[in-house]
Full PDB file with SEQRES, HELIX, SHEET, SSBOND, CRYST1, ORIGX, SCALE, CONECT and MASTER records, all heavy atoms in Angstrom:
SEQRES   1 A   35  GLN ILE LEU PHE THR GLU LEU GLY SER LEU GLY TYR GLU          
SEQRES   2 A   35  CYS LEU PRO SER ARG GLY ASN PHE ILE SER PHE ASP CYS          
SEQRES   3 A   35  LYS GLU ASP SER LYS ASP ALA PHE ASN                          
HELIX    1 AA1 ILE A    2  SER A    9  1                                   8    
HELIX    2 AA2 SER A   30  PHE A   34  1                                   5    
CRYST1    1.000    1.000    1.000  90.00  90.00  90.00 P 1           1          
ORIGX1      1.000000  0.000000  0.000000        0.00000                         
ORIGX2      0.000000  1.000000  0.000000        0.00000                         
ORIGX3      0.000000  0.000000  1.000000        0.00000                         
SCALE1      1.000000  0.000000  0.000000        0.00000                         
SCALE2      0.000000  1.000000  0.000000        0.00000                         
SCALE3      0.000000  0.000000  1.000000        0.00000                         
ATOM      1  N   GLN A   1       8.577 -60.754  -2.076  1.00  0.00           N  
ATOM      2  CA  GLN A   1       9.814 -61.576  -2.072  1.00  0.00           C  
ATOM      3  C   GLN A   1      10.947 -60.820  -2.358  1.00  0.00           C  
ATOM      4  O   GLN A   1      12.150 -61.023  -1.778  1.00  0.00           O  
ATOM      5  CB  GLN A   1       9.678 -62.812  -2.983  1.00  0.00           C  
ATOM      6  CG  GLN A   1      10.644 -63.839  -2.789  1.00  0.00           C  
ATOM      7  CD  GLN A   1      10.745 -64.304  -1.395  1.00  0.00           C  
ATOM      8  OE1 GLN A   1       9.738 -64.691  -0.818  1.00  0.00           O  
ATOM      9  NE2 GLN A   1      11.889 -64.274  -0.729  1.00  0.00           N  
ATOM     10  N   ILE A   2      10.937 -59.815  -3.294  1.00  0.00           N  
ATOM     11  CA  ILE A   2      12.124 -59.060  -3.614  1.00  0.00           C  
ATOM     12  C   ILE A   2      12.572 -58.218  -2.420  1.00  0.00           C  
ATOM     13  O   ILE A   2      13.799 -58.175  -2.012  1.00  0.00           O  
ATOM     14  CB  ILE A   2      11.748 -58.043  -4.809  1.00  0.00           C  
ATOM     15  CG1 ILE A   2      11.526 -58.829  -6.105  1.00  0.00           C  
ATOM     16  CG2 ILE A   2      12.983 -57.067  -4.955  1.00  0.00           C  
ATOM     17  CD1 ILE A   2      11.160 -57.939  -7.271  1.00  0.00           C  
ATOM     18  N   LEU A   3      11.613 -57.594  -1.752  1.00  0.00           N  
ATOM     19  CA  LEU A   3      12.077 -56.774  -0.530  1.00  0.00           C  
ATOM     20  C   LEU A   3      12.523 -57.728   0.624  1.00  0.00           C  
ATOM     21  O   LEU A   3      13.467 -57.354   1.269  1.00  0.00           O  
ATOM     22  CB  LEU A   3      10.746 -55.964  -0.011  1.00  0.00           C  
ATOM     23  CG  LEU A   3      10.584 -54.658  -0.641  1.00  0.00           C  
ATOM     24  CD1 LEU A   3       9.363 -54.096  -0.058  1.00  0.00           C  
ATOM     25  CD2 LEU A   3      11.809 -53.760  -0.433  1.00  0.00           C  
ATOM     26  N   PHE A   4      11.924 -58.936   0.835  1.00  0.00           N  
ATOM     27  CA  PHE A   4      12.465 -59.862   1.755  1.00  0.00           C  
ATOM     28  C   PHE A   4      13.920 -60.151   1.456  1.00  0.00           C  
ATOM     29  O   PHE A   4      14.791 -60.200   2.342  1.00  0.00           O  
ATOM     30  CB  PHE A   4      11.690 -61.109   1.815  1.00  0.00           C  
ATOM     31  CG  PHE A   4      10.600 -61.128   2.825  1.00  0.00           C  
ATOM     32  CD1 PHE A   4       9.330 -61.476   2.440  1.00  0.00           C  
ATOM     33  CD2 PHE A   4      10.813 -60.931   4.145  1.00  0.00           C  
ATOM     34  CE1 PHE A   4       8.261 -61.391   3.315  1.00  0.00           C  
ATOM     35  CE2 PHE A   4       9.787 -60.924   5.080  1.00  0.00           C  
ATOM     36  CZ  PHE A   4       8.488 -61.275   4.753  1.00  0.00           C  
ATOM     37  N   THR A   5      14.206 -60.432   0.237  1.00  0.00           N  
ATOM     38  CA  THR A   5      15.546 -60.805  -0.105  1.00  0.00           C  
ATOM     39  C   THR A   5      16.564 -59.622   0.038  1.00  0.00           C  
ATOM     40  O   THR A   5      17.653 -59.806   0.585  1.00  0.00           O  
ATOM     41  CB  THR A   5      15.538 -61.239  -1.711  1.00  0.00           C  
ATOM     42  OG1 THR A   5      14.628 -62.372  -1.837  1.00  0.00           O  
ATOM     43  CG2 THR A   5      17.005 -61.506  -2.149  1.00  0.00           C  
ATOM     44  N   GLU A   6      16.130 -58.466  -0.368  1.00  0.00           N  
ATOM     45  CA  GLU A   6      17.003 -57.320  -0.209  1.00  0.00           C  
ATOM     46  C   GLU A   6      17.277 -56.932   1.191  1.00  0.00           C  
ATOM     47  O   GLU A   6      18.417 -56.648   1.669  1.00  0.00           O  
ATOM     48  CB  GLU A   6      16.436 -56.106  -0.925  1.00  0.00           C  
ATOM     49  CG  GLU A   6      16.334 -56.248  -2.439  1.00  0.00           C  
ATOM     50  CD  GLU A   6      17.707 -56.429  -3.031  1.00  0.00           C  
ATOM     51  OE1 GLU A   6      18.745 -55.747  -2.608  1.00  0.00           O  
ATOM     52  OE2 GLU A   6      17.903 -57.260  -4.005  1.00  0.00           O  
ATOM     53  N   LEU A   7      16.244 -56.986   2.046  1.00  0.00           N  
ATOM     54  CA  LEU A   7      16.377 -56.718   3.510  1.00  0.00           C  
ATOM     55  C   LEU A   7      17.314 -57.738   4.077  1.00  0.00           C  
ATOM     56  O   LEU A   7      18.200 -57.419   4.901  1.00  0.00           O  
ATOM     57  CB  LEU A   7      15.052 -56.631   4.236  1.00  0.00           C  
ATOM     58  CG  LEU A   7      14.200 -55.512   3.941  1.00  0.00           C  
ATOM     59  CD1 LEU A   7      12.796 -55.669   4.439  1.00  0.00           C  
ATOM     60  CD2 LEU A   7      14.851 -54.268   4.605  1.00  0.00           C  
ATOM     61  N   GLY A   8      17.155 -58.942   3.690  1.00  0.00           N  
ATOM     62  CA  GLY A   8      18.012 -59.996   4.268  1.00  0.00           C  
ATOM     63  C   GLY A   8      19.477 -59.869   3.854  1.00  0.00           C  
ATOM     64  O   GLY A   8      20.376 -60.062   4.710  1.00  0.00           O  
ATOM     65  N   SER A   9      19.657 -59.469   2.646  1.00  0.00           N  
ATOM     66  CA  SER A   9      21.094 -59.140   2.161  1.00  0.00           C  
ATOM     67  C   SER A   9      21.773 -58.112   2.863  1.00  0.00           C  
ATOM     68  O   SER A   9      22.937 -58.039   2.994  1.00  0.00           O  
ATOM     69  CB  SER A   9      21.006 -58.975   0.722  1.00  0.00           C  
ATOM     70  OG  SER A   9      20.552 -57.752   0.401  1.00  0.00           O  
ATOM     71  N   LEU A  10      21.027 -57.238   3.432  1.00  0.00           N  
ATOM     72  CA  LEU A  10      21.510 -56.053   4.243  1.00  0.00           C  
ATOM     73  C   LEU A  10      21.611 -56.391   5.784  1.00  0.00           C  
ATOM     74  O   LEU A  10      22.000 -55.589   6.574  1.00  0.00           O  
ATOM     75  CB  LEU A  10      20.662 -54.773   4.040  1.00  0.00           C  
ATOM     76  CG  LEU A  10      20.735 -54.185   2.611  1.00  0.00           C  
ATOM     77  CD1 LEU A  10      19.520 -53.341   2.398  1.00  0.00           C  
ATOM     78  CD2 LEU A  10      22.023 -53.505   2.432  1.00  0.00           C  
ATOM     79  N   GLY A  11      21.307 -57.536   6.136  1.00  0.00           N  
ATOM     80  CA  GLY A  11      21.415 -58.062   7.490  1.00  0.00           C  
ATOM     81  C   GLY A  11      20.265 -57.678   8.393  1.00  0.00           C  
ATOM     82  O   GLY A  11      20.400 -57.764   9.619  1.00  0.00           O  
ATOM     83  N   TYR A  12      19.077 -57.362   7.780  1.00  0.00           N  
ATOM     84  CA  TYR A  12      17.980 -57.087   8.609  1.00  0.00           C  
ATOM     85  C   TYR A  12      17.017 -58.231   8.741  1.00  0.00           C  
ATOM     86  O   TYR A  12      16.638 -58.811   7.733  1.00  0.00           O  
ATOM     87  CB  TYR A  12      17.210 -55.790   7.984  1.00  0.00           C  
ATOM     88  CG  TYR A  12      17.867 -54.558   8.284  1.00  0.00           C  
ATOM     89  CD1 TYR A  12      18.988 -54.144   7.469  1.00  0.00           C  
ATOM     90  CD2 TYR A  12      17.634 -53.778   9.413  1.00  0.00           C  
ATOM     91  CE1 TYR A  12      19.704 -52.996   7.712  1.00  0.00           C  
ATOM     92  CE2 TYR A  12      18.346 -52.592   9.618  1.00  0.00           C  
ATOM     93  CZ  TYR A  12      19.314 -52.184   8.799  1.00  0.00           C  
ATOM     94  OH  TYR A  12      20.096 -51.082   9.014  1.00  0.00           O  
ATOM     95  N   GLU A  13      16.670 -58.554   9.931  1.00  0.00           N  
ATOM     96  CA  GLU A  13      15.926 -59.731  10.263  1.00  0.00           C  
ATOM     97  C   GLU A  13      14.380 -59.423  10.047  1.00  0.00           C  
ATOM     98  O   GLU A  13      13.894 -58.453  10.534  1.00  0.00           O  
ATOM     99  CB  GLU A  13      16.101 -60.174  11.656  1.00  0.00           C  
ATOM    100  CG  GLU A  13      15.357 -61.462  12.063  1.00  0.00           C  
ATOM    101  CD  GLU A  13      15.481 -61.831  13.524  1.00  0.00           C  
ATOM    102  OE1 GLU A  13      16.216 -61.120  14.242  1.00  0.00           O  
ATOM    103  OE2 GLU A  13      14.838 -62.782  13.965  1.00  0.00           O  
ATOM    104  N   CYS A  14      13.773 -60.242   9.184  1.00  0.00           N  
ATOM    105  CA  CYS A  14      12.348 -60.075   8.954  1.00  0.00           C  
ATOM    106  C   CYS A  14      11.546 -61.078   9.735  1.00  0.00           C  
ATOM    107  O   CYS A  14      11.925 -62.265   9.808  1.00  0.00           O  
ATOM    108  CB  CYS A  14      12.039 -60.208   7.394  1.00  0.00           C  
ATOM    109  SG  CYS A  14      12.825 -58.994   6.392  1.00  0.00           S  
ATOM    110  N   LEU A  15      10.381 -60.669  10.207  1.00  0.00           N  
ATOM    111  CA  LEU A  15       9.457 -61.604  10.792  1.00  0.00           C  
ATOM    112  C   LEU A  15       8.771 -62.480   9.714  1.00  0.00           C  
ATOM    113  O   LEU A  15       8.505 -62.004   8.599  1.00  0.00           O  
ATOM    114  CB  LEU A  15       8.358 -60.910  11.496  1.00  0.00           C  
ATOM    115  CG  LEU A  15       8.737 -60.112  12.703  1.00  0.00           C  
ATOM    116  CD1 LEU A  15       7.524 -59.397  13.290  1.00  0.00           C  
ATOM    117  CD2 LEU A  15       9.488 -60.964  13.825  1.00  0.00           C  
ATOM    118  N   PRO A  16       8.530 -63.791   9.908  1.00  0.00           N  
ATOM    119  CA  PRO A  16       7.735 -64.557   9.043  1.00  0.00           C  
ATOM    120  C   PRO A  16       6.399 -63.825   8.782  1.00  0.00           C  
ATOM    121  O   PRO A  16       5.779 -63.347   9.696  1.00  0.00           O  
ATOM    122  CB  PRO A  16       7.519 -65.859   9.666  1.00  0.00           C  
ATOM    123  CG  PRO A  16       8.593 -65.955  10.774  1.00  0.00           C  
ATOM    124  CD  PRO A  16       8.880 -64.470  11.188  1.00  0.00           C  
ATOM    125  N   SER A  17       6.035 -63.770   7.534  1.00  0.00           N  
ATOM    126  CA  SER A  17       4.769 -63.031   7.183  1.00  0.00           C  
ATOM    127  C   SER A  17       3.953 -63.701   6.060  1.00  0.00           C  
ATOM    128  O   SER A  17       4.480 -64.334   5.194  1.00  0.00           O  
ATOM    129  CB  SER A  17       5.249 -61.649   6.609  1.00  0.00           C  
ATOM    130  OG  SER A  17       4.169 -60.941   6.093  1.00  0.00           O  
ATOM    131  N   ARG A  18       2.710 -63.521   6.257  1.00  0.00           N  
ATOM    132  CA  ARG A  18       1.716 -63.946   5.203  1.00  0.00           C  
ATOM    133  C   ARG A  18       0.958 -62.713   4.916  1.00  0.00           C  
ATOM    134  O   ARG A  18       0.688 -61.724   5.624  1.00  0.00           O  
ATOM    135  CB  ARG A  18       0.832 -65.085   5.617  1.00  0.00           C  
ATOM    136  CG  ARG A  18       1.497 -66.268   6.082  1.00  0.00           C  
ATOM    137  CD  ARG A  18       1.938 -67.175   4.963  1.00  0.00           C  
ATOM    138  NE  ARG A  18       2.877 -68.105   5.378  1.00  0.00           N  
ATOM    139  CZ  ARG A  18       2.558 -69.297   5.885  1.00  0.00           C  
ATOM    140  NH1 ARG A  18       1.335 -69.521   6.138  1.00  0.00           N  
ATOM    141  NH2 ARG A  18       3.476 -70.140   6.161  1.00  0.00           N  
ATOM    142  N   GLY A  19       0.407 -62.697   3.616  1.00  0.00           N  
ATOM    143  CA  GLY A  19      -0.383 -61.494   3.247  1.00  0.00           C  
ATOM    144  C   GLY A  19       0.414 -60.454   2.608  1.00  0.00           C  
ATOM    145  O   GLY A  19       1.531 -60.803   1.959  1.00  0.00           O  
ATOM    146  N   ASN A  20       0.094 -59.201   2.827  1.00  0.00           N  
ATOM    147  CA  ASN A  20       0.859 -58.084   2.247  1.00  0.00           C  
ATOM    148  C   ASN A  20       1.524 -57.274   3.350  1.00  0.00           C  
ATOM    149  O   ASN A  20       1.323 -56.098   3.395  1.00  0.00           O  
ATOM    150  CB  ASN A  20      -0.042 -57.329   1.288  1.00  0.00           C  
ATOM    151  CG  ASN A  20      -1.309 -56.896   1.964  1.00  0.00           C  
ATOM    152  OD1 ASN A  20      -1.743 -57.397   2.955  1.00  0.00           O  
ATOM    153  ND2 ASN A  20      -2.029 -55.830   1.350  1.00  0.00           N  
ATOM    154  N   PHE A  21       2.327 -57.933   4.217  1.00  0.00           N  
ATOM    155  CA  PHE A  21       3.088 -57.266   5.264  1.00  0.00           C  
ATOM    156  C   PHE A  21       4.476 -57.625   5.217  1.00  0.00           C  
ATOM    157  O   PHE A  21       4.736 -58.871   4.862  1.00  0.00           O  
ATOM    158  CB  PHE A  21       2.542 -57.685   6.679  1.00  0.00           C  
ATOM    159  CG  PHE A  21       1.142 -57.249   6.930  1.00  0.00           C  
ATOM    160  CD1 PHE A  21       0.046 -58.113   6.552  1.00  0.00           C  
ATOM    161  CD2 PHE A  21       0.835 -56.106   7.591  1.00  0.00           C  
ATOM    162  CE1 PHE A  21      -1.225 -57.715   6.884  1.00  0.00           C  
ATOM    163  CE2 PHE A  21      -0.522 -55.711   7.817  1.00  0.00           C  
ATOM    164  CZ  PHE A  21      -1.512 -56.595   7.451  1.00  0.00           C  
ATOM    165  N   ILE A  22       5.466 -56.751   5.580  1.00  0.00           N  
ATOM    166  CA  ILE A  22       6.783 -57.151   5.871  1.00  0.00           C  
ATOM    167  C   ILE A  22       7.120 -56.409   7.114  1.00  0.00           C  
ATOM    168  O   ILE A  22       6.999 -55.231   7.210  1.00  0.00           O  
ATOM    169  CB  ILE A  22       7.668 -56.734   4.740  1.00  0.00           C  
ATOM    170  CG1 ILE A  22       7.400 -57.357   3.405  1.00  0.00           C  
ATOM    171  CG2 ILE A  22       9.185 -57.113   5.093  1.00  0.00           C  
ATOM    172  CD1 ILE A  22       8.209 -57.013   2.242  1.00  0.00           C  
ATOM    173  N   SER A  23       7.625 -57.116   8.139  1.00  0.00           N  
ATOM    174  CA  SER A  23       8.063 -56.544   9.373  1.00  0.00           C  
ATOM    175  C   SER A  23       9.523 -56.913   9.630  1.00  0.00           C  
ATOM    176  O   SER A  23       9.828 -58.117   9.502  1.00  0.00           O  
ATOM    177  CB  SER A  23       7.249 -57.001  10.573  1.00  0.00           C  
ATOM    178  OG  SER A  23       5.857 -56.658  10.408  1.00  0.00           O  
ATOM    179  N   PHE A  24      10.375 -55.884   9.906  1.00  0.00           N  
ATOM    180  CA  PHE A  24      11.725 -56.180  10.165  1.00  0.00           C  
ATOM    181  C   PHE A  24      12.302 -55.313  11.342  1.00  0.00           C  
ATOM    182  O   PHE A  24      11.769 -54.211  11.506  1.00  0.00           O  
ATOM    183  CB  PHE A  24      12.667 -56.038   8.883  1.00  0.00           C  
ATOM    184  CG  PHE A  24      12.629 -54.637   8.363  1.00  0.00           C  
ATOM    185  CD1 PHE A  24      13.600 -53.704   8.652  1.00  0.00           C  
ATOM    186  CD2 PHE A  24      11.590 -54.226   7.490  1.00  0.00           C  
ATOM    187  CE1 PHE A  24      13.669 -52.501   8.143  1.00  0.00           C  
ATOM    188  CE2 PHE A  24      11.651 -52.960   6.936  1.00  0.00           C  
ATOM    189  CZ  PHE A  24      12.685 -52.054   7.186  1.00  0.00           C  
ATOM    190  N   ASP A  25      13.327 -55.836  11.940  1.00  0.00           N  
ATOM    191  CA  ASP A  25      13.872 -55.088  13.111  1.00  0.00           C  
ATOM    192  C   ASP A  25      14.829 -53.979  12.688  1.00  0.00           C  
ATOM    193  O   ASP A  25      15.823 -54.268  12.147  1.00  0.00           O  
ATOM    194  CB  ASP A  25      14.659 -56.134  13.993  1.00  0.00           C  
ATOM    195  CG  ASP A  25      15.135 -55.615  15.264  1.00  0.00           C  
ATOM    196  OD1 ASP A  25      14.890 -54.464  15.537  1.00  0.00           O  
ATOM    197  OD2 ASP A  25      15.725 -56.295  16.147  1.00  0.00           O  
ATOM    198  N   CYS A  26      14.424 -52.759  13.033  1.00  0.00           N  
ATOM    199  CA  CYS A  26      15.271 -51.628  12.721  1.00  0.00           C  
ATOM    200  C   CYS A  26      16.269 -51.235  13.799  1.00  0.00           C  
ATOM    201  O   CYS A  26      17.127 -50.384  13.586  1.00  0.00           O  
ATOM    202  CB  CYS A  26      14.390 -50.418  12.366  1.00  0.00           C  
ATOM    203  SG  CYS A  26      13.461 -49.646  13.755  1.00  0.00           S  
ATOM    204  N   LYS A  27      16.008 -51.758  15.033  1.00  0.00           N  
ATOM    205  CA  LYS A  27      16.818 -51.457  16.188  1.00  0.00           C  
ATOM    206  C   LYS A  27      16.939 -49.988  16.456  1.00  0.00           C  
ATOM    207  O   LYS A  27      17.987 -49.385  16.754  1.00  0.00           O  
ATOM    208  CB  LYS A  27      18.274 -52.112  15.914  1.00  0.00           C  
ATOM    209  CG  LYS A  27      18.213 -53.605  15.799  1.00  0.00           C  
ATOM    210  CD  LYS A  27      19.641 -54.063  15.597  1.00  0.00           C  
ATOM    211  CE  LYS A  27      19.669 -55.580  15.298  1.00  0.00           C  
ATOM    212  NZ  LYS A  27      19.024 -55.974  14.116  1.00  0.00           N  
ATOM    213  N   GLU A  28      15.893 -49.229  16.320  1.00  0.00           N  
ATOM    214  CA  GLU A  28      15.783 -47.820  16.466  1.00  0.00           C  
ATOM    215  C   GLU A  28      14.537 -47.472  17.143  1.00  0.00           C  
ATOM    216  O   GLU A  28      13.453 -47.932  16.822  1.00  0.00           O  
ATOM    217  CB  GLU A  28      15.929 -47.041  15.146  1.00  0.00           C  
ATOM    218  CG  GLU A  28      15.625 -45.600  15.096  1.00  0.00           C  
ATOM    219  CD  GLU A  28      16.704 -44.832  15.694  1.00  0.00           C  
ATOM    220  OE1 GLU A  28      17.802 -45.333  16.073  1.00  0.00           O  
ATOM    221  OE2 GLU A  28      16.570 -43.595  15.864  1.00  0.00           O  
ATOM    222  N   ASP A  29      14.586 -46.498  18.164  1.00  0.00           N  
ATOM    223  CA  ASP A  29      13.407 -45.926  18.660  1.00  0.00           C  
ATOM    224  C   ASP A  29      12.579 -45.287  17.586  1.00  0.00           C  
ATOM    225  O   ASP A  29      13.001 -44.485  16.879  1.00  0.00           O  
ATOM    226  CB  ASP A  29      13.748 -44.945  19.798  1.00  0.00           C  
ATOM    227  CG  ASP A  29      12.501 -44.307  20.422  1.00  0.00           C  
ATOM    228  OD1 ASP A  29      11.912 -44.985  21.318  1.00  0.00           O  
ATOM    229  OD2 ASP A  29      12.011 -43.327  20.034  1.00  0.00           O  
ATOM    230  N   SER A  30      11.249 -45.688  17.567  1.00  0.00           N  
ATOM    231  CA  SER A  30      10.466 -45.228  16.492  1.00  0.00           C  
ATOM    232  C   SER A  30      10.270 -43.745  16.332  1.00  0.00           C  
ATOM    233  O   SER A  30      10.388 -43.163  15.239  1.00  0.00           O  
ATOM    234  CB  SER A  30       9.056 -45.928  16.569  1.00  0.00           C  
ATOM    235  OG  SER A  30       8.505 -45.581  17.837  1.00  0.00           O  
ATOM    236  N   LYS A  31       9.970 -43.104  17.446  1.00  0.00           N  
ATOM    237  CA  LYS A  31       9.749 -41.710  17.390  1.00  0.00           C  
ATOM    238  C   LYS A  31      10.996 -40.886  16.990  1.00  0.00           C  
ATOM    239  O   LYS A  31      11.044 -39.878  16.187  1.00  0.00           O  
ATOM    240  CB  LYS A  31       9.252 -41.160  18.766  1.00  0.00           C  
ATOM    241  CG  LYS A  31       7.854 -41.663  18.990  1.00  0.00           C  
ATOM    242  CD  LYS A  31       7.348 -41.055  20.375  1.00  0.00           C  
ATOM    243  CE  LYS A  31       5.984 -41.612  20.679  1.00  0.00           C  
ATOM    244  NZ  LYS A  31       5.433 -41.023  21.928  1.00  0.00           N  
ATOM    245  N   ASP A  32      12.187 -41.327  17.485  1.00  0.00           N  
ATOM    246  CA  ASP A  32      13.435 -40.746  16.993  1.00  0.00           C  
ATOM    247  C   ASP A  32      13.612 -40.837  15.531  1.00  0.00           C  
ATOM    248  O   ASP A  32      14.116 -39.903  14.910  1.00  0.00           O  
ATOM    249  CB  ASP A  32      14.663 -41.332  17.812  1.00  0.00           C  
ATOM    250  CG  ASP A  32      14.640 -40.995  19.283  1.00  0.00           C  
ATOM    251  OD1 ASP A  32      13.913 -39.990  19.695  1.00  0.00           O  
ATOM    252  OD2 ASP A  32      15.347 -41.572  20.045  1.00  0.00           O  
ATOM    253  N   ALA A  33      13.382 -42.057  15.085  1.00  0.00           N  
ATOM    254  CA  ALA A  33      13.580 -42.284  13.549  1.00  0.00           C  
ATOM    255  C   ALA A  33      12.652 -41.359  12.757  1.00  0.00           C  
ATOM    256  O   ALA A  33      13.049 -40.876  11.764  1.00  0.00           O  
ATOM    257  CB  ALA A  33      13.383 -43.749  13.225  1.00  0.00           C  
ATOM    258  N   PHE A  34      11.453 -41.300  13.242  1.00  0.00           N  
ATOM    259  CA  PHE A  34      10.514 -40.505  12.510  1.00  0.00           C  
ATOM    260  C   PHE A  34      10.895 -38.959  12.503  1.00  0.00           C  
ATOM    261  O   PHE A  34      10.838 -38.335  11.471  1.00  0.00           O  
ATOM    262  CB  PHE A  34       8.990 -40.601  13.151  1.00  0.00           C  
ATOM    263  CG  PHE A  34       8.037 -39.756  12.615  1.00  0.00           C  
ATOM    264  CD1 PHE A  34       7.639 -39.954  11.227  1.00  0.00           C  
ATOM    265  CD2 PHE A  34       7.350 -38.759  13.281  1.00  0.00           C  
ATOM    266  CE1 PHE A  34       6.673 -39.167  10.665  1.00  0.00           C  
ATOM    267  CE2 PHE A  34       6.466 -37.930  12.672  1.00  0.00           C  
ATOM    268  CZ  PHE A  34       6.086 -38.121  11.312  1.00  0.00           C  
ATOM    269  N   ASN A  35      11.391 -38.537  13.596  1.00  0.00           N  
ATOM    270  CA  ASN A  35      11.855 -37.090  13.722  1.00  0.00           C  
ATOM    271  C   ASN A  35      13.031 -36.931  12.760  1.00  0.00           C  
ATOM    272  O   ASN A  35      13.079 -35.862  12.132  1.00  0.00           O  
ATOM    273  CB  ASN A  35      12.129 -36.700  15.140  1.00  0.00           C  
ATOM    274  CG  ASN A  35      10.982 -36.683  16.024  1.00  0.00           C  
ATOM    275  OD1 ASN A  35       9.887 -36.276  15.561  1.00  0.00           O  
ATOM    276  ND2 ASN A  35      11.104 -36.877  17.338  1.00  0.00           N  
TER     277      ASN A  35                                                      
MASTER        0    0    0    2    0    0    0    6  276    1    0    3          
END                                                                             
């Protein structure tokens, strides 16, 4: 819940989640971000 709150305060949209997952939109190509 802390991470959901902090991500939301920074303007990042999180998917509804159950369990021990948090998914949010980073608007970045994954491989580019990894590099």
